[in-house]
Amino acid sequence: MAQLSVLLDGVTVFQSIVKSGIRQGGILCPIFFNIYMDVLLNTLKSSEYGCHLGKTFVGCIAYADDLILLSASVCDLQKMLTICD
């Protein structure tokens, strides 16, 4: 099990215990990760929350195993976090 903590201005605003997952380094890990991320990114895009440049969704930037959520309002950002949860 691993502990997840979310910090905002150095203050812990959320903590959770991760009870399930896939062992890092397993043969199927990259495949499962890519499937999971594809579903998550498409769900965020179709939610209409987050930032847009014209008609292009830029509310989520993904690089390797990092994810950045961008939103113009705190309410929409919370909705995006709920989707990720």
PDB file of N, CA and C in Angstrom:
ATOM      1  N   MET A   1       0.836  -1.183   0.000  1.00  0.00           N
ATOM      2  CA  MET A   1       0.000   0.000   0.000  1.00  0.00           C
ATOM      3  C   MET A   1       0.881   1.246   0.000  1.00  0.00           C
ATOM      4  N   ALA A   2       0.368   2.277  -0.632  1.00  0.00           N
ATOM      5  CA  ALA A   2       1.083   3.548  -0.698  1.00  0.00           C
ATOM      6  C   ALA A   2       0.146   4.658  -0.236  1.00  0.00           C
ATOM      7  N   GLN A   3       0.719   5.737   0.245  1.00  0.00           N
ATOM      8  CA  GLN A   3      -0.069   6.874   0.699  1.00  0.00           C
ATOM      9  C   GLN A   3      -0.008   7.977  -0.349  1.00  0.00           C
ATOM     10  N   LEU A   4      -1.157   8.559  -0.651  1.00  0.00           N
ATOM     11  CA  LEU A   4      -1.267   9.664  -1.593  1.00  0.00           C
ATOM     12  C   LEU A   4      -1.579  10.927  -0.803  1.00  0.00           C
ATOM     13  N   SER A   5      -0.793  11.974  -1.028  1.00  0.00           N
ATOM     14  CA  SER A   5      -1.027  13.261  -0.374  1.00  0.00           C
ATOM     15  C   SER A   5      -1.090  14.350  -1.427  1.00  0.00           C
ATOM     16  N   VAL A   6      -2.048  15.273  -1.272  1.00  0.00           N
ATOM     17  CA  VAL A   6      -2.160  16.431  -2.158  1.00  0.00           C
ATOM     18  C   VAL A   6      -1.862  17.671  -1.324  1.00  0.00           C
ATOM     19  N   LEU A   7      -0.888  18.456  -1.784  1.00  0.00           N
ATOM     20  CA  LEU A   7      -0.484  19.669  -1.070  1.00  0.00           C
ATOM     21  C   LEU A   7      -0.930  20.897  -1.842  1.00  0.00           C
ATOM     22  N   LEU A   8      -1.382  21.906  -1.119  1.00  0.00           N
ATOM     23  CA  LEU A   8      -1.736  23.191  -1.701  1.00  0.00           C
ATOM     24  C   LEU A   8      -1.068  24.260  -0.860  1.00  0.00           C
ATOM     25  N   ASP A   9      -0.131  24.981  -1.450  1.00  0.00           N
ATOM     26  CA  ASP A   9       0.656  25.984  -0.734  1.00  0.00           C
ATOM     27  C   ASP A   9       1.326  25.398   0.512  1.00  0.00           C
ATOM     28  N   GLY A  10       1.825  24.163   0.379  1.00  0.00           N
ATOM     29  CA  GLY A  10       2.536  23.517   1.472  1.00  0.00           C
ATOM     30  C   GLY A  10       1.658  22.915   2.542  1.00  0.00           C
ATOM     31  N   VAL A  11       0.336  22.985   2.375  1.00  0.00           N
ATOM     32  CA  VAL A  11      -0.600  22.443   3.358  1.00  0.00           C
ATOM     33  C   VAL A  11      -1.278  21.217   2.751  1.00  0.00           C
ATOM     34  N   THR A  12      -1.293  20.116   3.497  1.00  0.00           N
ATOM     35  CA  THR A  12      -1.954  18.903   3.017  1.00  0.00           C
ATOM     36  C   THR A  12      -3.455  19.123   3.010  1.00  0.00           C
ATOM     37  N   VAL A  13      -4.078  18.981   1.815  1.00  0.00           N
ATOM     38  CA  VAL A  13      -5.516  19.200   1.692  1.00  0.00           C
ATOM     39  C   VAL A  13      -6.267  17.889   1.471  1.00  0.00           C
ATOM     40  N   PHE A  14      -5.520  16.822   1.154  1.00  0.00           N
ATOM     41  CA  PHE A  14      -6.170  15.536   0.924  1.00  0.00           C
ATOM     42  C   PHE A  14      -5.154  14.427   1.125  1.00  0.00           C
ATOM     43  N   GLN A  15      -5.572  13.355   1.795  1.00  0.00           N
ATOM     44  CA  GLN A  15      -4.735  12.171   1.951  1.00  0.00           C
ATOM     45  C   GLN A  15      -5.573  10.940   1.711  1.00  0.00           C
ATOM     46  N   SER A  16      -4.950   9.945   1.105  1.00  0.00           N
ATOM     47  CA  SER A  16      -5.652   8.701   0.836  1.00  0.00           C
ATOM     48  C   SER A  16      -4.643   7.562   0.798  1.00  0.00           C
ATOM     49  N   ILE A  17      -5.102   6.366   1.064  1.00  0.00           N
ATOM     50  CA  ILE A  17      -4.273   5.166   0.958  1.00  0.00           C
ATOM     51  C   ILE A  17      -4.637   4.465  -0.346  1.00  0.00           C
ATOM     52  N   VAL A  18      -3.617   4.164  -1.157  1.00  0.00           N
ATOM     53  CA  VAL A  18      -3.825   3.428  -2.402  1.00  0.00           C
ATOM     54  C   VAL A  18      -3.737   1.950  -2.056  1.00  0.00           C
ATOM     55  N   LYS A  19      -4.859   1.229  -2.217  1.00  0.00           N
ATOM     56  CA  LYS A  19      -4.939  -0.165  -1.786  1.00  0.00           C
ATOM     57  C   LYS A  19      -4.777  -1.166  -2.920  1.00  0.00           C
ATOM     58  N   SER A  20      -4.851  -0.696  -4.163  1.00  0.00           N
ATOM     59  CA  SER A  20      -4.729  -1.632  -5.276  1.00  0.00           C
ATOM     60  C   SER A  20      -3.934  -0.994  -6.390  1.00  0.00           C
ATOM     61  N   GLY A  21      -3.480  -1.808  -7.292  1.00  0.00           N
ATOM     62  CA  GLY A  21      -2.705  -1.303  -8.411  1.00  0.00           C
ATOM     63  C   GLY A  21      -1.952  -2.431  -9.077  1.00  0.00           C
ATOM     64  N   ILE A  22      -1.051  -2.075  -9.946  1.00  0.00           N
ATOM     65  CA  ILE A  22      -0.258  -3.054 -10.673  1.00  0.00           C
ATOM     66  C   ILE A  22       1.189  -2.873 -10.257  1.00  0.00           C
ATOM     67  N   ARG A  23       1.863  -3.977 -10.012  1.00  0.00           N
ATOM     68  CA  ARG A  23       3.254  -3.933  -9.574  1.00  0.00           C
ATOM     69  C   ARG A  23       4.114  -3.241 -10.627  1.00  0.00           C
ATOM     70  N   GLN A  24       4.918  -2.289 -10.186  1.00  0.00           N
ATOM     71  CA  GLN A  24       5.799  -1.569 -11.099  1.00  0.00           C
ATOM     72  C   GLN A  24       6.838  -2.536 -11.659  1.00  0.00           C
ATOM     73  N   GLY A  25       7.066  -2.448 -12.966  1.00  0.00           N
ATOM     74  CA  GLY A  25       8.052  -3.298 -13.603  1.00  0.00           C
ATOM     75  C   GLY A  25       7.484  -4.572 -14.187  1.00  0.00           C
ATOM     76  N   GLY A  26       6.188  -4.814 -13.983  1.00  0.00           N
ATOM     77  CA  GLY A  26       5.563  -6.004 -14.548  1.00  0.00           C
ATOM     78  C   GLY A  26       5.477  -5.902 -16.065  1.00  0.00           C
ATOM     79  N   ILE A  27       5.383  -7.046 -16.714  1.00  0.00           N
ATOM     80  CA  ILE A  27       5.359  -7.090 -18.177  1.00  0.00           C
ATOM     81  C   ILE A  27       4.157  -6.338 -18.751  1.00  0.00           C
ATOM     82  N   LEU A  28       3.019  -6.443 -18.107  1.00  0.00           N
ATOM     83  CA  LEU A  28       1.806  -5.809 -18.623  1.00  0.00           C
ATOM     84  C   LEU A  28       1.613  -4.365 -18.157  1.00  0.00           C
ATOM     85  N   CYS A  29       2.486  -3.875 -17.282  1.00  0.00           N
ATOM     86  CA  CYS A  29       2.332  -2.524 -16.727  1.00  0.00           C
ATOM     87  C   CYS A  29       2.200  -1.439 -17.801  1.00  0.00           C
ATOM     88  N   PRO A  30       3.077  -1.378 -18.797  1.00  0.00           N
ATOM     89  CA  PRO A  30       2.949  -0.306 -19.793  1.00  0.00           C
ATOM     90  C   PRO A  30       1.635  -0.374 -20.567  1.00  0.00           C
ATOM     91  N   ILE A  31       1.177  -1.572 -20.865  1.00  0.00           N
ATOM     92  CA  ILE A  31      -0.082  -1.726 -21.609  1.00  0.00           C
ATOM     93  C   ILE A  31      -1.252  -1.251 -20.759  1.00  0.00           C
ATOM     94  N   PHE A  32      -1.322  -1.721 -19.512  1.00  0.00           N
ATOM     95  CA  PHE A  32      -2.416  -1.302 -18.623  1.00  0.00           C
ATOM     96  C   PHE A  32      -2.375   0.191 -18.357  1.00  0.00           C
ATOM     97  N   PHE A  33      -1.172   0.746 -18.173  1.00  0.00           N
ATOM     98  CA  PHE A  33      -1.031   2.184 -17.929  1.00  0.00           C
ATOM     99  C   PHE A  33      -1.554   2.981 -19.120  1.00  0.00           C
ATOM    100  N   ASN A  34      -1.179   2.581 -20.321  1.00  0.00           N
ATOM    101  CA  ASN A  34      -1.627   3.298 -21.520  1.00  0.00           C
ATOM    102  C   ASN A  34      -3.135   3.204 -21.708  1.00  0.00           C
ATOM    103  N   ILE A  35      -3.714   2.053 -21.424  1.00  0.00           N
ATOM    104  CA  ILE A  35      -5.173   1.912 -21.515  1.00  0.00           C
ATOM    105  C   ILE A  35      -5.847   2.835 -20.500  1.00  0.00           C
ATOM    106  N   TYR A  36      -5.356   2.822 -19.259  1.00  0.00           N
ATOM    107  CA  TYR A  36      -5.925   3.655 -18.206  1.00  0.00           C
ATOM    108  C   TYR A  36      -5.817   5.132 -18.561  1.00  0.00           C
ATOM    109  N   MET A  37      -4.632   5.569 -18.997  1.00  0.00           N
ATOM    110  CA  MET A  37      -4.427   6.979 -19.321  1.00  0.00           C
ATOM    111  C   MET A  37      -5.274   7.409 -20.521  1.00  0.00           C
ATOM    112  N   ASP A  38      -5.426   6.545 -21.510  1.00  0.00           N
ATOM    113  CA  ASP A  38      -6.245   6.877 -22.673  1.00  0.00           C
ATOM    114  C   ASP A  38      -7.693   7.128 -22.259  1.00  0.00           C
ATOM    115  N   VAL A  39      -8.221   6.255 -21.427  1.00  0.00           N
ATOM    116  CA  VAL A  39      -9.601   6.423 -20.940  1.00  0.00           C
ATOM    117  C   VAL A  39      -9.716   7.694 -20.102  1.00  0.00           C
ATOM    118  N   LEU A  40      -8.751   7.917 -19.199  1.00  0.00           N
ATOM    119  CA  LEU A  40      -8.796   9.100 -18.335  1.00  0.00           C
ATOM    120  C   LEU A  40      -8.711  10.393 -19.147  1.00  0.00           C
ATOM    121  N   LEU A  41      -7.781  10.473 -20.075  1.00  0.00           N
ATOM    122  CA  LEU A  41      -7.611  11.697 -20.869  1.00  0.00           C
ATOM    123  C   LEU A  41      -8.825  11.959 -21.754  1.00  0.00           C
ATOM    124  N   ASN A  42      -9.399  10.922 -22.342  1.00  0.00           N
ATOM    125  CA  ASN A  42     -10.606  11.102 -23.158  1.00  0.00           C
ATOM    126  C   ASN A  42     -11.801  11.511 -22.308  1.00  0.00           C
ATOM    127  N   THR A  43     -11.890  10.978 -21.091  1.00  0.00           N
ATOM    128  CA  THR A  43     -12.974  11.362 -20.180  1.00  0.00           C
ATOM    129  C   THR A  43     -12.842  12.831 -19.780  1.00  0.00           C
ATOM    130  N   LEU A  44     -11.628  13.273 -19.463  1.00  0.00           N
ATOM    131  CA  LEU A  44     -11.404  14.683 -19.125  1.00  0.00           C
ATOM    132  C   LEU A  44     -11.744  15.577 -20.309  1.00  0.00           C
ATOM    133  N   LYS A  45     -11.323  15.183 -21.498  1.00  0.00           N
ATOM    134  CA  LYS A  45     -11.596  15.986 -22.692  1.00  0.00           C
ATOM    135  C   LYS A  45     -13.090  16.104 -22.956  1.00  0.00           C
ATOM    136  N   SER A  46     -13.822  15.007 -22.836  1.00  0.00           N
ATOM    137  CA  SER A  46     -15.253  15.027 -23.132  1.00  0.00           C
ATOM    138  C   SER A  46     -16.076  15.688 -22.031  1.00  0.00           C
ATOM    139  N   SER A  47     -15.478  15.918 -20.853  1.00  0.00           N
ATOM    140  CA  SER A  47     -16.214  16.534 -19.740  1.00  0.00           C
ATOM    141  C   SER A  47     -16.485  18.013 -19.970  1.00  0.00           C
ATOM    142  N   GLU A  48     -15.740  18.652 -20.880  1.00  0.00           N
ATOM    143  CA  GLU A  48     -15.852  20.091 -21.174  1.00  0.00           C
ATOM    144  C   GLU A  48     -15.331  20.975 -20.040  1.00  0.00           C
ATOM    145  N   TYR A  49     -14.747  20.395 -18.983  1.00  0.00           N
ATOM    146  CA  TYR A  49     -14.106  21.189 -17.935  1.00  0.00           C
ATOM    147  C   TYR A  49     -12.676  21.478 -18.376  1.00  0.00           C
ATOM    148  N   GLY A  50     -12.045  22.440 -17.757  1.00  0.00           N
ATOM    149  CA  GLY A  50     -10.658  22.733 -18.068  1.00  0.00           C
ATOM    150  C   GLY A  50     -10.522  23.812 -19.116  1.00  0.00           C
ATOM    151  N   CYS A  51      -9.296  24.066 -19.514  1.00  0.00           N
ATOM    152  CA  CYS A  51      -8.985  25.152 -20.445  1.00  0.00           C
ATOM    153  C   CYS A  51      -9.070  24.694 -21.896  1.00  0.00           C
ATOM    154  N   HIS A  52      -9.455  25.637 -22.745  1.00  0.00           N
ATOM    155  CA  HIS A  52      -9.516  25.401 -24.183  1.00  0.00           C
ATOM    156  C   HIS A  52      -8.857  26.576 -24.902  1.00  0.00           C
ATOM    157  N   LEU A  53      -8.111  26.270 -25.952  1.00  0.00           N
ATOM    158  CA  LEU A  53      -7.579  27.290 -26.856  1.00  0.00           C
ATOM    159  C   LEU A  53      -8.361  27.144 -28.138  1.00  0.00           C
ATOM    160  N   GLY A  54      -9.309  28.048 -28.348  1.00  0.00           N
ATOM    161  CA  GLY A  54     -10.238  27.878 -29.462  1.00  0.00           C
ATOM    162  C   GLY A  54     -11.081  26.647 -29.192  1.00  0.00           C
ATOM    163  N   LYS A  55     -11.032  25.683 -30.083  1.00  0.00           N
ATOM    164  CA  LYS A  55     -11.781  24.440 -29.891  1.00  0.00           C
ATOM    165  C   LYS A  55     -10.888  23.299 -29.421  1.00  0.00           C
ATOM    166  N   THR A  56      -9.623  23.618 -29.143  1.00  0.00           N
ATOM    167  CA  THR A  56      -8.670  22.587 -28.726  1.00  0.00           C
ATOM    168  C   THR A  56      -8.621  22.498 -27.207  1.00  0.00           C
ATOM    169  N   PHE A  57      -8.798  21.291 -26.663  1.00  0.00           N
ATOM    170  CA  PHE A  57      -8.748  21.055 -25.227  1.00  0.00           C
ATOM    171  C   PHE A  57      -7.297  21.043 -24.760  1.00  0.00           C
ATOM    172  N   VAL A  58      -6.969  21.915 -23.815  1.00  0.00           N
ATOM    173  CA  VAL A  58      -5.637  21.957 -23.221  1.00  0.00           C
ATOM    174  C   VAL A  58      -5.727  21.919 -21.696  1.00  0.00           C
ATOM    175  N   GLY A  59      -6.786  21.329 -21.190  1.00  0.00           N
ATOM    176  CA  GLY A  59      -7.017  21.277 -19.749  1.00  0.00           C
ATOM    177  C   GLY A  59      -6.231  20.190 -19.049  1.00  0.00           C
ATOM    178  N   CYS A  60      -5.502  19.387 -19.811  1.00  0.00           N
ATOM    179  CA  CYS A  60      -4.753  18.296 -19.224  1.00  0.00           C
ATOM    180  C   CYS A  60      -3.477  18.086 -20.029  1.00  0.00           C
ATOM    181  N   ILE A  61      -2.351  18.198 -19.363  1.00  0.00           N
ATOM    182  CA  ILE A  61      -1.068  17.972 -20.007  1.00  0.00           C
ATOM    183  C   ILE A  61      -0.477  16.713 -19.391  1.00  0.00           C
ATOM    184  N   ALA A  62      -0.171  15.746 -20.236  1.00  0.00           N
ATOM    185  CA  ALA A  62       0.380  14.475 -19.758  1.00  0.00           C
ATOM    186  C   ALA A  62       1.771  14.275 -20.349  1.00  0.00           C
ATOM    187  N   TYR A  63       2.712  13.891 -19.482  1.00  0.00           N
ATOM    188  CA  TYR A  63       4.059  13.570 -19.920  1.00  0.00           C
ATOM    189  C   TYR A  63       4.556  12.417 -19.062  1.00  0.00           C
ATOM    190  N   ALA A  64       4.838  11.295 -19.710  1.00  0.00           N
ATOM    191  CA  ALA A  64       5.244  10.070 -19.012  1.00  0.00           C
ATOM    192  C   ALA A  64       4.155   9.717 -17.989  1.00  0.00           C
ATOM    193  N   ASP A  65       4.490   9.689 -16.707  1.00  0.00           N
ATOM    194  CA  ASP A  65       3.471   9.355 -15.702  1.00  0.00           C
ATOM    195  C   ASP A  65       3.025  10.579 -14.911  1.00  0.00           C
ATOM    196  N   ASP A  66       3.296  11.768 -15.446  1.00  0.00           N
ATOM    197  CA  ASP A  66       2.871  13.011 -14.799  1.00  0.00           C
ATOM    198  C   ASP A  66       1.646  13.578 -15.510  1.00  0.00           C
ATOM    199  N   LEU A  67       0.785  14.219 -14.737  1.00  0.00           N
ATOM    200  CA  LEU A  67      -0.451  14.783 -15.272  1.00  0.00           C
ATOM    201  C   LEU A  67      -0.657  16.159 -14.655  1.00  0.00           C
ATOM    202  N   ILE A  68      -0.879  17.165 -15.496  1.00  0.00           N
ATOM    203  CA  ILE A  68      -1.152  18.524 -15.033  1.00  0.00           C
ATOM    204  C   ILE A  68      -2.558  18.886 -15.474  1.00  0.00           C
ATOM    205  N   LEU A  69      -3.386  19.314 -14.534  1.00  0.00           N
ATOM    206  CA  LEU A  69      -4.745  19.748 -14.849  1.00  0.00           C
ATOM    207  C   LEU A  69      -4.773  21.269 -14.854  1.00  0.00           C
ATOM    208  N   LEU A  70      -5.371  21.847 -15.906  1.00  0.00           N
ATOM    209  CA  LEU A  70      -5.482  23.297 -16.048  1.00  0.00           C
ATOM    210  C   LEU A  70      -6.946  23.695 -16.123  1.00  0.00           C
ATOM    211  N   SER A  71      -7.328  24.678 -15.333  1.00  0.00           N
ATOM    212  CA  SER A  71      -8.713  25.140 -15.329  1.00  0.00           C
ATOM    213  C   SER A  71      -8.748  26.616 -14.952  1.00  0.00           C
ATOM    214  N   ALA A  72      -9.725  27.325 -15.505  1.00  0.00           N
ATOM    215  CA  ALA A  72      -9.877  28.747 -15.194  1.00  0.00           C
ATOM    216  C   ALA A  72     -10.634  28.963 -13.890  1.00  0.00           C
ATOM    217  N   SER A  73     -11.300  27.935 -13.383  1.00  0.00           N
ATOM    218  CA  SER A  73     -12.046  28.096 -12.131  1.00  0.00           C
ATOM    219  C   SER A  73     -11.744  26.940 -11.181  1.00  0.00           C
ATOM    220  N   VAL A  74     -11.804  27.235  -9.894  1.00  0.00           N
ATOM    221  CA  VAL A  74     -11.569  26.229  -8.870  1.00  0.00           C
ATOM    222  C   VAL A  74     -12.654  25.150  -8.923  1.00  0.00           C
ATOM    223  N   CYS A  75     -13.890  25.548  -9.213  1.00  0.00           N
ATOM    224  CA  CYS A  75     -15.002  24.584  -9.273  1.00  0.00           C
ATOM    225  C   CYS A  75     -14.776  23.557 -10.380  1.00  0.00           C
ATOM    226  N   ASP A  76     -14.364  24.031 -11.559  1.00  0.00           N
ATOM    227  CA  ASP A  76     -14.103  23.099 -12.657  1.00  0.00           C
ATOM    228  C   ASP A  76     -12.890  22.227 -12.364  1.00  0.00           C
ATOM    229  N   LEU A  77     -11.885  22.804 -11.703  1.00  0.00           N
ATOM    230  CA  LEU A  77     -10.711  22.020 -11.342  1.00  0.00           C
ATOM    231  C   LEU A  77     -11.100  20.902 -10.376  1.00  0.00           C
ATOM    232  N   GLN A  78     -11.979  21.201  -9.428  1.00  0.00           N
ATOM    233  CA  GLN A  78     -12.442  20.175  -8.480  1.00  0.00           C
ATOM    234  C   GLN A  78     -13.200  19.082  -9.224  1.00  0.00           C
ATOM    235  N   LYS A  79     -14.006  19.454 -10.218  1.00  0.00           N
ATOM    236  CA  LYS A  79     -14.729  18.457 -11.007  1.00  0.00           C
ATOM    237  C   LYS A  79     -13.756  17.580 -11.789  1.00  0.00           C
ATOM    238  N   MET A  80     -12.670  18.169 -12.297  1.00  0.00           N
ATOM    239  CA  MET A  80     -11.661  17.392 -13.005  1.00  0.00           C
ATOM    240  C   MET A  80     -10.944  16.441 -12.047  1.00  0.00           C
ATOM    241  N   LEU A  81     -10.651  16.902 -10.839  1.00  0.00           N
ATOM    242  CA  LEU A  81     -10.033  16.031  -9.834  1.00  0.00           C
ATOM    243  C   LEU A  81     -10.947  14.878  -9.469  1.00  0.00           C
ATOM    244  N   THR A  82     -12.247  15.152  -9.388  1.00  0.00           N
ATOM    245  CA  THR A  82     -13.219  14.107  -9.092  1.00  0.00           C
ATOM    246  C   THR A  82     -13.222  13.061 -10.203  1.00  0.00           C
ATOM    247  N   ILE A  83     -13.122  13.488 -11.442  1.00  0.00           N
ATOM    248  CA  ILE A  83     -13.038  12.542 -12.564  1.00  0.00           C
ATOM    249  C   ILE A  83     -11.790  11.680 -12.413  1.00  0.00           C
ATOM    250  N   CYS A  84     -10.671  12.297 -12.062  1.00  0.00           N
ATOM    251  CA  CYS A  84      -9.422  11.551 -11.903  1.00  0.00           C
ATOM    252  C   CYS A  84      -9.488  10.583 -10.734  1.00  0.00           C
ATOM    253  N   ASP A  85     -10.249  10.938  -9.716  1.00  0.00           N
ATOM    254  CA  ASP A  85     -10.395  10.082  -8.531  1.00  0.00           C
ATOM    255  C   ASP A  85     -11.170   8.849  -8.898  1.00  0.00           C
TER     256      ASP A  85
END
